[in-house]
Amino acid sequence: MQIDTARYLKLDDAPVRLKDTLDIRVTEHAFLPSVDDILSDWVATIAAPAFKLIRRRQGSQTRFCSIGTGVGLDALAAIETLGATRIGITDVHRDVVAAAVGNIRDNLKNPDSIILEAGHGDLLEPLALNGATPPHYDLIYENLPNIPVADAEAAAARKSAGHIPPRKESVPPLMCRNLLALHTIALQKAKPFLVPGGAVLSLLGGRIPLDVFHEMGRLTGYHAEIFTYGWKIQTDPEEIIGGHLKQQQEGFGPYHFYRARRLAEVFADIPLEESGANAHAIERQLAPDELSPEEALAAWQQGETIGHTVVALHSRPL
């Protein structure tokens, strides 16, 4: 897979640290980036703009970690836009991490310009190094799956669209009901890996009320702010909308989606740097246009493009 770096990251000039064209190797367990449909792609549409805004407001974030990195595009985006030089990456599959390590090193103009810490396994555990003092990061990034995978066979083959329940950790019922269990656990486990003043940046599908995200921060001992609020086209709509429909039928949620054309209209004139502060007002504006999972799936089957809002939640330990 080849990617035009400047187009993908929306750079004004040629990339400084990355090669002009990214050559990305993908394994069978990796969730495919949507490079041919940027409005569906998490890194290009949500993460990279948030990284740039963090750089403008807070300066370089030289120590960066990604939980569940996939093909490594999130780390590459951090290297270019945040100025990251020490990189930690994890993912649940050995082959995914191996490919991501190669993708990161092979697409740098100077591979010796970074320190790379990598491991496969659960969340941050691969970086704990057998009980030794864990590495510390300025920014820990996560865009983890919401929908649980029910059986072992599906779990073995899963990509980042699902995760395995149950967990041994205690998760508040409100977070479970809103499919935020894995995000909550990530926040719980991130604190020992943060430098003083460090933060976790969680990318979250806004298919639930925004107040729930603030509550997730409070329950895990963070001050959580909606850093940016945007939207994207729903990736794999049959699987993801259908998964939310199944969860809602089992008593979770409720969840909501929108027609992509309506999201485009509402967000057209909202500057990124103002989106977080105005998130609740935007949510109220969109409320009459909410689609239940059943309505969203039916609309998609009739040819509508379906999207959802997205929160970049910036959480600092209290």
C-alpha atoms as a PDB file:
ATOM      1  CA  MET A   1       0.000   0.000   0.000  1.00  0.00           C
ATOM      2  CA  GLN A   2       1.477   3.343  -1.047  1.00  0.00           C
ATOM      3  CA  ILE A   3       0.350   6.644   0.464  1.00  0.00           C
ATOM      4  CA  ASP A   4       1.100  10.214  -0.564  1.00  0.00           C
ATOM      5  CA  THR A   5       2.361  11.607   2.751  1.00  0.00           C
ATOM      6  CA  ALA A   6       1.521  15.275   2.211  1.00  0.00           C
ATOM      7  CA  ARG A   7      -1.982  14.465   0.977  1.00  0.00           C
ATOM      8  CA  TYR A   8      -2.682  11.967   3.733  1.00  0.00           C
ATOM      9  CA  LEU A   9      -1.499  14.250   6.542  1.00  0.00           C
ATOM     10  CA  LYS A  10      -2.686  17.444   4.811  1.00  0.00           C
ATOM     11  CA  LEU A  11       0.722  19.049   5.002  1.00  0.00           C
ATOM     12  CA  ASP A  12       1.273  22.491   3.517  1.00  0.00           C
ATOM     13  CA  ASP A  13       4.766  21.537   2.385  1.00  0.00           C
ATOM     14  CA  ALA A  14       6.720  18.369   1.713  1.00  0.00           C
ATOM     15  CA  PRO A  15       7.177  16.167   4.808  1.00  0.00           C
ATOM     16  CA  VAL A  16      10.247  16.926   6.883  1.00  0.00           C
ATOM     17  CA  ARG A  17      10.854  13.604   8.638  1.00  0.00           C
ATOM     18  CA  LEU A  18       8.843  11.111   6.590  1.00  0.00           C
ATOM     19  CA  LYS A  19       9.432  10.035   3.028  1.00  0.00           C
ATOM     20  CA  ASP A  20       7.265  11.717   0.410  1.00  0.00           C
ATOM     21  CA  THR A  21       5.557   8.400  -0.337  1.00  0.00           C
ATOM     22  CA  LEU A  22       4.822   5.931   2.437  1.00  0.00           C
ATOM     23  CA  ASP A  23       5.210   2.268   1.561  1.00  0.00           C
ATOM     24  CA  ILE A  24       3.005   0.436   4.076  1.00  0.00           C
ATOM     25  CA  ARG A  25       2.966  -3.324   4.610  1.00  0.00           C
ATOM     26  CA  VAL A  26      -0.307  -4.734   5.945  1.00  0.00           C
ATOM     27  CA  THR A  27      -0.810  -8.126   7.603  1.00  0.00           C
ATOM     28  CA  GLU A  28      -3.993 -10.176   7.768  1.00  0.00           C
ATOM     29  CA  HIS A  29      -4.725  -9.084  11.354  1.00  0.00           C
ATOM     30  CA  ALA A  30      -4.289  -5.356  10.745  1.00  0.00           C
ATOM     31  CA  PHE A  31      -7.243  -3.038  10.353  1.00  0.00           C
ATOM     32  CA  LEU A  32      -6.849  -1.468   6.903  1.00  0.00           C
ATOM     33  CA  PRO A  33      -6.470   2.309   6.714  1.00  0.00           C
ATOM     34  CA  SER A  34      -8.953   4.010   4.378  1.00  0.00           C
ATOM     35  CA  VAL A  35      -6.380   5.758   2.228  1.00  0.00           C
ATOM     36  CA  ASP A  36      -8.675   5.944  -0.805  1.00  0.00           C
ATOM     37  CA  ASP A  37     -11.475   7.522   1.235  1.00  0.00           C
ATOM     38  CA  ILE A  38      -9.842   9.971   3.624  1.00  0.00           C
ATOM     39  CA  LEU A  39     -13.128  10.912   5.316  1.00  0.00           C
ATOM     40  CA  SER A  40     -13.339   7.314   6.560  1.00  0.00           C
ATOM     41  CA  ASP A  41      -9.800   7.205   7.894  1.00  0.00           C
ATOM     42  CA  TRP A  42      -9.197   7.743  11.623  1.00  0.00           C
ATOM     43  CA  VAL A  43      -5.568   8.882  11.437  1.00  0.00           C
ATOM     44  CA  ALA A  44      -5.898  11.257   8.492  1.00  0.00           C
ATOM     45  CA  THR A  45      -9.253  12.766   9.444  1.00  0.00           C
ATOM     46  CA  ILE A  46      -9.150  12.858  13.263  1.00  0.00           C
ATOM     47  CA  ALA A  47      -5.763  11.996  14.774  1.00  0.00           C
ATOM     48  CA  ALA A  48      -3.402  14.022  12.583  1.00  0.00           C
ATOM     49  CA  PRO A  49      -5.439  17.260  12.886  1.00  0.00           C
ATOM     50  CA  ALA A  50      -5.551  16.799  16.678  1.00  0.00           C
ATOM     51  CA  PHE A  51      -1.783  16.173  16.752  1.00  0.00           C
ATOM     52  CA  LYS A  52      -1.171  19.401  14.824  1.00  0.00           C
ATOM     53  CA  LEU A  53      -3.377  21.361  17.219  1.00  0.00           C
ATOM     54  CA  ILE A  54      -1.539  19.887  20.223  1.00  0.00           C
ATOM     55  CA  ARG A  55       1.773  20.921  18.620  1.00  0.00           C
ATOM     56  CA  ARG A  56       0.501  24.487  18.105  1.00  0.00           C
ATOM     57  CA  ARG A  57      -0.817  24.796  21.647  1.00  0.00           C
ATOM     58  CA  GLN A  58       1.704  22.788  23.652  1.00  0.00           C
ATOM     59  CA  GLY A  59       4.804  22.438  21.511  1.00  0.00           C
ATOM     60  CA  SER A  60       6.558  19.224  20.527  1.00  0.00           C
ATOM     61  CA  GLN A  61       5.529  15.972  22.196  1.00  0.00           C
ATOM     62  CA  THR A  62       8.789  14.114  21.844  1.00  0.00           C
ATOM     63  CA  ARG A  63       7.722  10.973  23.741  1.00  0.00           C
ATOM     64  CA  PHE A  64       4.710   9.356  22.081  1.00  0.00           C
ATOM     65  CA  CYS A  65       3.005   6.008  22.583  1.00  0.00           C
ATOM     66  CA  SER A  66       0.233   4.351  20.583  1.00  0.00           C
ATOM     67  CA  ILE A  67      -1.841   1.540  22.069  1.00  0.00           C
ATOM     68  CA  GLY A  68      -3.192  -0.659  19.278  1.00  0.00           C
ATOM     69  CA  THR A  69      -1.103   0.906  16.544  1.00  0.00           C
ATOM     70  CA  GLY A  70      -2.257  -1.251  13.607  1.00  0.00           C
ATOM     71  CA  VAL A  71      -0.054  -0.551  10.587  1.00  0.00           C
ATOM     72  CA  GLY A  72       1.806   2.236  12.417  1.00  0.00           C
ATOM     73  CA  LEU A  73       0.374   5.243  10.583  1.00  0.00           C
ATOM     74  CA  ASP A  74      -0.550   6.883  13.895  1.00  0.00           C
ATOM     75  CA  ALA A  75       3.087   6.757  15.019  1.00  0.00           C
ATOM     76  CA  LEU A  76       4.298   8.041  11.656  1.00  0.00           C
ATOM     77  CA  ALA A  77       1.814  10.926  11.905  1.00  0.00           C
ATOM     78  CA  ALA A  78       3.134  11.714  15.400  1.00  0.00           C
ATOM     79  CA  ILE A  79       6.725  11.713  14.188  1.00  0.00           C
ATOM     80  CA  GLU A  80       5.917  14.228  11.457  1.00  0.00           C
ATOM     81  CA  THR A  81       3.364  16.458  13.179  1.00  0.00           C
ATOM     82  CA  LEU A  82       4.270  16.231  16.889  1.00  0.00           C
ATOM     83  CA  GLY A  83       8.029  16.000  16.488  1.00  0.00           C
ATOM     84  CA  ALA A  84       8.079  12.700  18.364  1.00  0.00           C
ATOM     85  CA  THR A  85      11.490  11.061  18.678  1.00  0.00           C
ATOM     86  CA  ARG A  86      10.803   8.323  21.249  1.00  0.00           C
ATOM     87  CA  ILE A  87       8.014   6.050  20.074  1.00  0.00           C
ATOM     88  CA  GLY A  88       6.212   3.262  21.911  1.00  0.00           C
ATOM     89  CA  ILE A  89       3.787   0.998  20.038  1.00  0.00           C
ATOM     90  CA  THR A  90       1.704  -2.019  21.018  1.00  0.00           C
ATOM     91  CA  ASP A  91      -0.885  -4.222  19.386  1.00  0.00           C
ATOM     92  CA  VAL A  92      -2.419  -7.577  20.243  1.00  0.00           C
ATOM     93  CA  HIS A  93      -0.914  -9.510  17.315  1.00  0.00           C
ATOM     94  CA  ARG A  94       2.793 -10.258  16.920  1.00  0.00           C
ATOM     95  CA  ASP A  95       2.621  -9.950  13.121  1.00  0.00           C
ATOM     96  CA  VAL A  96       0.914  -6.544  13.329  1.00  0.00           C
ATOM     97  CA  VAL A  97       3.620  -5.154  15.622  1.00  0.00           C
ATOM     98  CA  ALA A  98       6.407  -6.572  13.461  1.00  0.00           C
ATOM     99  CA  ALA A  99       4.889  -4.984  10.354  1.00  0.00           C
ATOM    100  CA  ALA A 100       4.343  -1.675  12.161  1.00  0.00           C
ATOM    101  CA  VAL A 101       7.978  -1.571  13.304  1.00  0.00           C
ATOM    102  CA  GLY A 102       9.073  -2.075   9.713  1.00  0.00           C
ATOM    103  CA  ASN A 103       6.604   0.472   8.412  1.00  0.00           C
ATOM    104  CA  ILE A 104       7.828   3.097  10.850  1.00  0.00           C
ATOM    105  CA  ARG A 105      11.551   2.575  10.277  1.00  0.00           C
ATOM    106  CA  ASP A 106      11.311   2.094   6.513  1.00  0.00           C
ATOM    107  CA  ASN A 107       9.353   5.304   5.953  1.00  0.00           C
ATOM    108  CA  LEU A 108      11.639   7.689   7.826  1.00  0.00           C
ATOM    109  CA  LYS A 109      14.141   9.807   5.969  1.00  0.00           C
ATOM    110  CA  ASN A 110      16.510   9.129   8.859  1.00  0.00           C
ATOM    111  CA  PRO A 111      15.639   5.878  10.686  1.00  0.00           C
ATOM    112  CA  ASP A 112      18.227   6.672  13.378  1.00  0.00           C
ATOM    113  CA  SER A 113      16.285   9.798  14.387  1.00  0.00           C
ATOM    114  CA  ILE A 114      13.915   7.858  16.669  1.00  0.00           C
ATOM    115  CA  ILE A 115      14.018   5.403  19.566  1.00  0.00           C
ATOM    116  CA  LEU A 116      11.381   2.732  19.015  1.00  0.00           C
ATOM    117  CA  GLU A 117       9.907   0.583  21.813  1.00  0.00           C
ATOM    118  CA  ALA A 118       7.495  -2.082  20.624  1.00  0.00           C
ATOM    119  CA  GLY A 119       5.721  -5.189  21.832  1.00  0.00           C
ATOM    120  CA  HIS A 120       2.646  -7.293  21.227  1.00  0.00           C
ATOM    121  CA  GLY A 121       0.074  -7.976  23.909  1.00  0.00           C
ATOM    122  CA  ASP A 122      -2.589  -6.285  26.007  1.00  0.00           C
ATOM    123  CA  LEU A 123      -2.710  -2.472  26.048  1.00  0.00           C
ATOM    124  CA  LEU A 124       0.486  -1.131  27.696  1.00  0.00           C
ATOM    125  CA  GLU A 125       1.662  -4.413  29.206  1.00  0.00           C
ATOM    126  CA  PRO A 126       4.212  -5.130  26.430  1.00  0.00           C
ATOM    127  CA  LEU A 127       6.099  -1.986  27.445  1.00  0.00           C
ATOM    128  CA  ALA A 128       6.247  -2.806  31.170  1.00  0.00           C
ATOM    129  CA  LEU A 129       9.482  -4.805  30.697  1.00  0.00           C
ATOM    130  CA  ASN A 130       9.108  -7.538  33.326  1.00  0.00           C
ATOM    131  CA  GLY A 131       8.350  -5.283  36.253  1.00  0.00           C
ATOM    132  CA  ALA A 132      11.084  -2.760  35.540  1.00  0.00           C
ATOM    133  CA  THR A 133      10.306   0.940  35.620  1.00  0.00           C
ATOM    134  CA  PRO A 134       8.087   1.503  32.589  1.00  0.00           C
ATOM    135  CA  PRO A 135       8.937   4.066  29.924  1.00  0.00           C
ATOM    136  CA  HIS A 136       7.191   7.410  30.261  1.00  0.00           C
ATOM    137  CA  TYR A 137       5.506   9.396  27.515  1.00  0.00           C
ATOM    138  CA  ASP A 138       4.231  12.920  26.965  1.00  0.00           C
ATOM    139  CA  LEU A 139       1.242  11.652  25.014  1.00  0.00           C
ATOM    140  CA  ILE A 140      -0.361   8.210  24.967  1.00  0.00           C
ATOM    141  CA  TYR A 141      -2.730   7.776  22.040  1.00  0.00           C
ATOM    142  CA  GLU A 142      -5.493   5.210  21.769  1.00  0.00           C
ATOM    143  CA  ASN A 143      -8.166   4.482  19.208  1.00  0.00           C
ATOM    144  CA  LEU A 144      -9.325   1.162  20.611  1.00  0.00           C
ATOM    145  CA  PRO A 145     -12.286  -0.970  19.543  1.00  0.00           C
ATOM    146  CA  ASN A 146     -15.676  -0.648  21.204  1.00  0.00           C
ATOM    147  CA  ILE A 147     -17.592  -3.750  20.214  1.00  0.00           C
ATOM    148  CA  PRO A 148     -16.794  -6.964  22.137  1.00  0.00           C
ATOM    149  CA  VAL A 149     -16.007 -10.174  20.247  1.00  0.00           C
ATOM    150  CA  ALA A 150     -18.000 -13.080  21.632  1.00  0.00           C
ATOM    151  CA  ASP A 151     -16.130 -16.262  20.680  1.00  0.00           C
ATOM    152  CA  ALA A 152     -12.537 -17.482  20.691  1.00  0.00           C
ATOM    153  CA  GLU A 153     -12.384 -18.236  16.972  1.00  0.00           C
ATOM    154  CA  ALA A 154     -13.461 -14.707  16.047  1.00  0.00           C
ATOM    155  CA  ALA A 155     -11.093 -13.311  18.658  1.00  0.00           C
ATOM    156  CA  ALA A 156      -8.108 -15.136  17.170  1.00  0.00           C
ATOM    157  CA  ALA A 157      -8.838 -13.660  13.747  1.00  0.00           C
ATOM    158  CA  ARG A 158     -10.019 -10.267  14.940  1.00  0.00           C
ATOM    159  CA  LYS A 159      -8.735  -6.956  13.755  1.00  0.00           C
ATOM    160  CA  SER A 160      -9.195  -3.726  15.676  1.00  0.00           C
ATOM    161  CA  ALA A 161     -12.956  -3.636  15.170  1.00  0.00           C
ATOM    162  CA  GLY A 162     -13.544  -5.769  18.258  1.00  0.00           C
ATOM    163  CA  HIS A 163     -12.108  -6.742  21.615  1.00  0.00           C
ATOM    164  CA  ILE A 164     -12.422  -9.719  23.951  1.00  0.00           C
ATOM    165  CA  PRO A 165     -14.634  -9.640  27.062  1.00  0.00           C
ATOM    166  CA  PRO A 166     -14.809 -10.223  29.927  1.00  0.00           C
ATOM    167  CA  ARG A 167     -11.948  -8.310  31.506  1.00  0.00           C
ATOM    168  CA  LYS A 168     -10.585  -8.897  34.975  1.00  0.00           C
ATOM    169  CA  GLU A 169     -10.528  -5.177  35.666  1.00  0.00           C
ATOM    170  CA  SER A 170     -13.462  -3.424  37.322  1.00  0.00           C
ATOM    171  CA  VAL A 171     -15.285  -1.167  34.888  1.00  0.00           C
ATOM    172  CA  PRO A 172     -18.210   1.069  35.921  1.00  0.00           C
ATOM    173  CA  PRO A 173     -21.555  -0.167  34.499  1.00  0.00           C
ATOM    174  CA  LEU A 174     -22.126   3.149  32.694  1.00  0.00           C
ATOM    175  CA  MET A 175     -18.923   2.639  30.708  1.00  0.00           C
ATOM    176  CA  CYS A 176     -19.821  -0.963  29.849  1.00  0.00           C
ATOM    177  CA  ARG A 177     -23.293   0.053  28.751  1.00  0.00           C
ATOM    178  CA  ASN A 178     -21.802   2.623  26.388  1.00  0.00           C
ATOM    179  CA  LEU A 179     -19.139   0.260  24.983  1.00  0.00           C
ATOM    180  CA  LEU A 180     -16.298   2.216  26.594  1.00  0.00           C
ATOM    181  CA  ALA A 181     -14.870  -0.626  28.685  1.00  0.00           C
ATOM    182  CA  LEU A 182     -11.553  -0.909  26.842  1.00  0.00           C
ATOM    183  CA  HIS A 183     -11.074   2.875  26.718  1.00  0.00           C
ATOM    184  CA  THR A 184     -11.751   3.050  30.462  1.00  0.00           C
ATOM    185  CA  ILE A 185      -9.216   0.325  31.201  1.00  0.00           C
ATOM    186  CA  ALA A 186      -6.656   2.060  28.995  1.00  0.00           C
ATOM    187  CA  LEU A 187      -7.033   5.237  31.042  1.00  0.00           C
ATOM    188  CA  GLN A 188      -6.704   3.261  34.262  1.00  0.00           C
ATOM    189  CA  LYS A 189      -3.482   1.631  33.074  1.00  0.00           C
ATOM    190  CA  ALA A 190      -1.908   4.680  31.434  1.00  0.00           C
ATOM    191  CA  LYS A 191      -1.033   6.723  34.528  1.00  0.00           C
ATOM    192  CA  PRO A 192       2.260   4.942  35.388  1.00  0.00           C
ATOM    193  CA  PHE A 193       3.422   5.511  31.800  1.00  0.00           C
ATOM    194  CA  LEU A 194       2.879   9.292  31.718  1.00  0.00           C
ATOM    195  CA  VAL A 195       5.456  11.947  32.494  1.00  0.00           C
ATOM    196  CA  PRO A 196       4.292  14.671  34.911  1.00  0.00           C
ATOM    197  CA  GLY A 197       1.921  16.820  32.885  1.00  0.00           C
ATOM    198  CA  GLY A 198       1.475  14.072  30.289  1.00  0.00           C
ATOM    199  CA  ALA A 199      -1.885  13.160  28.812  1.00  0.00           C
ATOM    200  CA  VAL A 200      -3.884  10.464  27.077  1.00  0.00           C
ATOM    201  CA  LEU A 201      -5.531  11.288  23.758  1.00  0.00           C
ATOM    202  CA  SER A 202      -8.491   8.965  23.147  1.00  0.00           C
ATOM    203  CA  LEU A 203     -10.236   8.909  19.781  1.00  0.00           C
ATOM    204  CA  LEU A 204     -13.860   7.974  20.383  1.00  0.00           C
ATOM    205  CA  GLY A 205     -16.805   7.466  18.105  1.00  0.00           C
ATOM    206  CA  GLY A 206     -19.468   9.949  19.251  1.00  0.00           C
ATOM    207  CA  ARG A 207     -22.350   7.497  19.010  1.00  0.00           C
ATOM    208  CA  ILE A 208     -23.288   8.208  22.640  1.00  0.00           C
ATOM    209  CA  PRO A 209     -23.949  11.434  24.613  1.00  0.00           C
ATOM    210  CA  LEU A 210     -20.890  13.628  25.113  1.00  0.00           C
ATOM    211  CA  ASP A 211     -21.427  13.788  28.868  1.00  0.00           C
ATOM    212  CA  VAL A 212     -20.498  10.101  29.074  1.00  0.00           C
ATOM    213  CA  PHE A 213     -16.955  10.890  27.918  1.00  0.00           C
ATOM    214  CA  HIS A 214     -16.496  13.510  30.634  1.00  0.00           C
ATOM    215  CA  GLU A 215     -17.780  10.976  33.159  1.00  0.00           C
ATOM    216  CA  MET A 216     -15.278   8.390  31.931  1.00  0.00           C
ATOM    217  CA  GLY A 217     -12.497  10.823  32.756  1.00  0.00           C
ATOM    218  CA  ARG A 218     -13.920  11.598  36.182  1.00  0.00           C
ATOM    219  CA  LEU A 219     -14.352   7.939  37.104  1.00  0.00           C
ATOM    220  CA  THR A 220     -10.758   7.134  36.174  1.00  0.00           C
ATOM    221  CA  GLY A 221      -9.198  10.112  37.957  1.00  0.00           C
ATOM    222  CA  TYR A 222      -8.538  12.423  35.009  1.00  0.00           C
ATOM    223  CA  HIS A 223      -9.521  15.882  33.947  1.00  0.00           C
ATOM    224  CA  ALA A 224     -10.935  15.060  30.522  1.00  0.00           C
ATOM    225  CA  GLU A 225     -11.683  17.732  27.955  1.00  0.00           C
ATOM    226  CA  ILE A 226     -13.113  17.380  24.476  1.00  0.00           C
ATOM    227  CA  PHE A 227     -10.070  18.588  22.572  1.00  0.00           C
ATOM    228  CA  THR A 228     -11.600  18.387  19.107  1.00  0.00           C
ATOM    229  CA  TYR A 229     -15.031  17.373  17.865  1.00  0.00           C
ATOM    230  CA  GLY A 230     -15.530  16.292  14.296  1.00  0.00           C
ATOM    231  CA  TRP A 231     -17.037  13.600  12.143  1.00  0.00           C
ATOM    232  CA  LYS A 232     -16.116  10.821   9.783  1.00  0.00           C
ATOM    233  CA  ILE A 233     -17.825   8.432   7.429  1.00  0.00           C
ATOM    234  CA  GLN A 234     -18.628   5.137   9.113  1.00  0.00           C
ATOM    235  CA  THR A 235     -16.043   2.514   8.178  1.00  0.00           C
ATOM    236  CA  ASP A 236     -17.430  -0.975   7.487  1.00  0.00           C
ATOM    237  CA  PRO A 237     -21.036   0.205   8.058  1.00  0.00           C
ATOM    238  CA  GLU A 238     -22.638  -3.226   7.847  1.00  0.00           C
ATOM    239  CA  GLU A 239     -20.333  -4.644  10.525  1.00  0.00           C
ATOM    240  CA  ILE A 240     -20.088  -1.625  12.826  1.00  0.00           C
ATOM    241  CA  ILE A 241     -23.649  -0.329  12.639  1.00  0.00           C
ATOM    242  CA  GLY A 242     -24.883  -3.903  12.804  1.00  0.00           C
ATOM    243  CA  GLY A 243     -22.679  -4.513  15.846  1.00  0.00           C
ATOM    244  CA  HIS A 244     -24.121  -1.491  17.628  1.00  0.00           C
ATOM    245  CA  LEU A 245     -27.635  -2.602  16.698  1.00  0.00           C
ATOM    246  CA  LYS A 246     -26.987  -6.017  18.246  1.00  0.00           C
ATOM    247  CA  GLN A 247     -25.585  -4.451  21.401  1.00  0.00           C
ATOM    248  CA  GLN A 248     -28.564  -2.105  21.704  1.00  0.00           C
ATOM    249  CA  GLN A 249     -30.980  -4.999  21.264  1.00  0.00           C
ATOM    250  CA  GLU A 250     -29.201  -6.657  24.195  1.00  0.00           C
ATOM    251  CA  GLY A 251     -29.878  -3.641  26.416  1.00  0.00           C
ATOM    252  CA  PHE A 252     -26.783  -1.518  25.898  1.00  0.00           C
ATOM    253  CA  GLY A 253     -26.681   2.038  24.602  1.00  0.00           C
ATOM    254  CA  PRO A 254     -28.699   3.618  23.044  1.00  0.00           C
ATOM    255  CA  TYR A 255     -26.443   4.634  20.153  1.00  0.00           C
ATOM    256  CA  HIS A 256     -26.902   7.028  17.270  1.00  0.00           C
ATOM    257  CA  PHE A 257     -25.532   7.819  13.818  1.00  0.00           C
ATOM    258  CA  TYR A 258     -26.189  10.527  11.202  1.00  0.00           C
ATOM    259  CA  ARG A 259     -26.437  10.949   7.473  1.00  0.00           C
ATOM    260  CA  ALA A 260     -23.008  12.051   6.293  1.00  0.00           C
ATOM    261  CA  ARG A 261     -24.425  14.921   4.245  1.00  0.00           C
ATOM    262  CA  ARG A 262     -25.963  16.432   7.365  1.00  0.00           C
ATOM    263  CA  LEU A 263     -22.689  16.143   9.270  1.00  0.00           C
ATOM    264  CA  ALA A 264     -20.863  17.847   6.407  1.00  0.00           C
ATOM    265  CA  GLU A 265     -23.354  20.742   6.501  1.00  0.00           C
ATOM    266  CA  VAL A 266     -23.125  21.286  10.256  1.00  0.00           C
ATOM    267  CA  PHE A 267     -19.336  21.048  10.530  1.00  0.00           C
ATOM    268  CA  ALA A 268     -18.550  22.988   7.341  1.00  0.00           C
ATOM    269  CA  ASP A 269     -17.883  26.335   9.033  1.00  0.00           C
ATOM    270  CA  ILE A 270     -16.584  25.161  12.419  1.00  0.00           C
ATOM    271  CA  PRO A 271     -12.814  25.702  12.849  1.00  0.00           C
ATOM    272  CA  LEU A 272     -11.050  22.701  14.338  1.00  0.00           C
ATOM    273  CA  GLU A 273      -9.574  24.766  17.176  1.00  0.00           C
ATOM    274  CA  GLU A 274     -13.075  25.842  18.250  1.00  0.00           C
ATOM    275  CA  SER A 275     -14.786  22.489  17.811  1.00  0.00           C
ATOM    276  CA  GLY A 276     -14.004  21.058  21.240  1.00  0.00           C
ATOM    277  CA  ALA A 277     -15.293  24.074  23.173  1.00  0.00           C
ATOM    278  CA  ASN A 278     -18.460  24.082  21.056  1.00  0.00           C
ATOM    279  CA  ALA A 279     -19.023  20.322  21.076  1.00  0.00           C
ATOM    280  CA  HIS A 280     -22.126  20.328  23.276  1.00  0.00           C
ATOM    281  CA  ALA A 281     -23.778  23.083  21.220  1.00  0.00           C
ATOM    282  CA  ILE A 282     -23.036  21.125  18.029  1.00  0.00           C
ATOM    283  CA  GLU A 283     -24.445  17.975  19.615  1.00  0.00           C
ATOM    284  CA  ARG A 284     -27.693  19.813  20.413  1.00  0.00           C
ATOM    285  CA  GLN A 285     -27.864  21.140  16.849  1.00  0.00           C
ATOM    286  CA  LEU A 286     -27.521  17.619  15.471  1.00  0.00           C
ATOM    287  CA  ALA A 287     -29.981  16.008  17.902  1.00  0.00           C
ATOM    288  CA  PRO A 288     -33.034  16.201  15.589  1.00  0.00           C
ATOM    289  CA  ASP A 289     -31.064  14.343  12.889  1.00  0.00           C
ATOM    290  CA  GLU A 290     -29.983  11.348  14.978  1.00  0.00           C
ATOM    291  CA  LEU A 291     -30.511   7.900  13.481  1.00  0.00           C
ATOM    292  CA  SER A 292     -30.846   4.825  15.650  1.00  0.00           C
ATOM    293  CA  PRO A 293     -28.649   1.881  14.596  1.00  0.00           C
ATOM    294  CA  GLU A 294     -31.680   0.285  12.954  1.00  0.00           C
ATOM    295  CA  GLU A 295     -32.501   3.481  11.048  1.00  0.00           C
ATOM    296  CA  ALA A 296     -28.861   3.997  10.087  1.00  0.00           C
ATOM    297  CA  LEU A 297     -28.499   0.449   8.771  1.00  0.00           C
ATOM    298  CA  ALA A 298     -31.701   0.773   6.740  1.00  0.00           C
ATOM    299  CA  ALA A 299     -30.579   4.125   5.317  1.00  0.00           C
ATOM    300  CA  TRP A 300     -27.192   2.665   4.375  1.00  0.00           C
ATOM    301  CA  GLN A 301     -28.865  -0.291   2.673  1.00  0.00           C
ATOM    302  CA  GLN A 302     -30.858   2.241   0.639  1.00  0.00           C
ATOM    303  CA  GLY A 303     -27.695   3.952  -0.565  1.00  0.00           C
ATOM    304  CA  GLU A 304     -27.182   6.682   2.042  1.00  0.00           C
ATOM    305  CA  THR A 305     -23.673   7.412   3.284  1.00  0.00           C
ATOM    306  CA  ILE A 306     -23.693   7.160   7.078  1.00  0.00           C
ATOM    307  CA  GLY A 307     -21.340   8.909   9.448  1.00  0.00           C
ATOM    308  CA  HIS A 308     -20.848   9.582  13.116  1.00  0.00           C
ATOM    309  CA  THR A 309     -19.309  12.305  15.224  1.00  0.00           C
ATOM    310  CA  VAL A 310     -15.861  11.794  16.714  1.00  0.00           C
ATOM    311  CA  VAL A 311     -14.376  13.032  19.962  1.00  0.00           C
ATOM    312  CA  ALA A 312     -10.668  13.508  20.581  1.00  0.00           C
ATOM    313  CA  LEU A 313     -10.650  13.340  24.380  1.00  0.00           C
ATOM    314  CA  HIS A 314      -7.589  14.861  26.048  1.00  0.00           C
ATOM    315  CA  SER A 315      -7.204  13.485  29.586  1.00  0.00           C
ATOM    316  CA  ARG A 316      -4.693  14.566  32.239  1.00  0.00           C
ATOM    317  CA  PRO A 317      -4.411  12.753  35.583  1.00  0.00           C
ATOM    318  CA  LEU A 318      -5.793  14.722  38.519  1.00  0.00           C
END
